Every structure is written in C-alpha cells, then in structure tokens.
Amino acid sequence: MKRFWKMYQVEQKIFFRSPDVILFCLAMPLVVFIVITMITGGKNAADSGLTYLQSAYVSLSTVGICCSAFMSIPITVVELRSQGILRRMYCSPCSPARLLACDTICSGVVAALSTLILTVAAVFFFGYRMPGNVFAYLAVWLLTMVSMFSIGLMVASLCRTTKSMNVATSLLYFPMLLFSGATIPAEVFPGALRTVAGWMPLGVGIRLLKSVSMGCYDKIIMPVVSLTAIAVICGTVAVRTFRWE
C-alpha cells in the first residue's frame, strides 16, 4: 500500500503539470459556466423545466469526466505501451497494473476536482441550489464517470499504436464534448441534434444527472441500466483485449 501511495503521488503531480489538464479539465468548464450564467443564467432553458444556470452546471460538471476518459486515460496507456514501459515493468517487482490503477485514479481525481471548482463557483458566486438530493446526484455522477472511463480503457486496450489511438480518441472526444450537451446546453440544440445528444453515452449521463438534480426519479431506470451496461461491456472488453506490449 505504501508503494502504491508513493506511485500515486508521483503520477498525480505529473497530471497537474500538464497544461492540457489545467486548460481543458479545470479552467474551461468554469469559464464557459461563467459566460453562460452571466448572459442567460436566470432564463428558462426551453421547455426543460431548468434555468440555464441549472442546466449549465449539470452539463459542465461532466466536462472533466469527458476529458479524462477520452484523452488522459487512452493517451497515457498507449504511450506507456508504445514506449515499452509496460513491458519492462511487467518483468519487474513494480506491477504495471499498479501504474495503470494509479493513472485511472489520477484521472478520476482531476474529474472530481473540475466538478468541485465548478460547484464552488456556482454555489457561492451565483447562488445555485440543487432541488434534488445531492447524494443521489453524486452517485449518478460516479456512475457516469465509471461508464465513460470504461470506454476510455477499452480504447486504450484495442489501440496498439499512438496513431490509431489519436484517431479513436478524436472521434470520441470532440463529438462528446460538443454534441452531447456537455459544453453547450442541449436545450438550445435543434430537435434532430438533441436526439443525437440523447443517444450519446455522455448525453445519457447528462440527461440522467439533470433529472436527479431536479428531484425527478420517475424516468431514471433506463439511463441507469444503459450506463451500467456500458460500464460492464466496455470494461469486459478492455480486460480481455488488454496487452502489455
């Protein structure tokens, strides 16, 4: 446990030294939230029953998850494999599985910190109050994170080269970020694009989070089942197809 903790500390420091983490995971959600809230915060977001402040908070609380799942995890794993680091560690007392666990936890910490920064700004500077149960929201947020991370780990397992990984992560990351409702509230999308957003894995998580944040629990079973199925299927594929080299 002591070795794991030491390795985690080193990996976490490396994460926070990355400009991409600071810019896209921590700074961007806060800046976009402030802009949306200052322009249209108190207005109703279409017929959703949410204000733009409420909608933007929930949507942007998933940006850290999106960045970590589709950029940090696959990039880290594939680069370690392509450089031969995992293969060397496999033959050493330091387990590569421990390194991968540390990197995954680091990504989760970054996603949680992104949401925490956003929450502090929303509550203390814009007066946001969640009508629904905070603990239920936290549970759904964790489910969404696990589901998205399983997709990222599956990509990391299936992609053998950095080039193929870059293509796969780009095809996942940018559509999820822009068209799932994560950065732009889905309420402003036209009907067809709103339907597409609702079918995206991250879009399913965002819709579920919005329902729970408003205390509406009558239509959460199918989204919960969908996210759980994604986590189980993608996690199984990731484990069965993973290679150290």
Foldseek 3Di string as FASTA:
>chain_A
DVVLVVLLVVLLVVQVVDPCLCPQLAPVLQVLLVVQCVVFVQPCLAPPPDGSNLLSLLLQLCRLLLCLQLPQLLLVLLVCLVVCVLVVCVPPPNHVVSVSVSSLVSSVVSSVVNSVVSVCCCCVPVNDDQQADPVVLVVLSVLLSLLSNLLSLLLSLVDNHPVSSVVVSVVRRPCLCPQLCNSPHLSPPPPVSSVVNCPDSVNLSSVLSSCRSNHNDPPNPVSSVVSVVSSVVSNVSSVVRHDSD
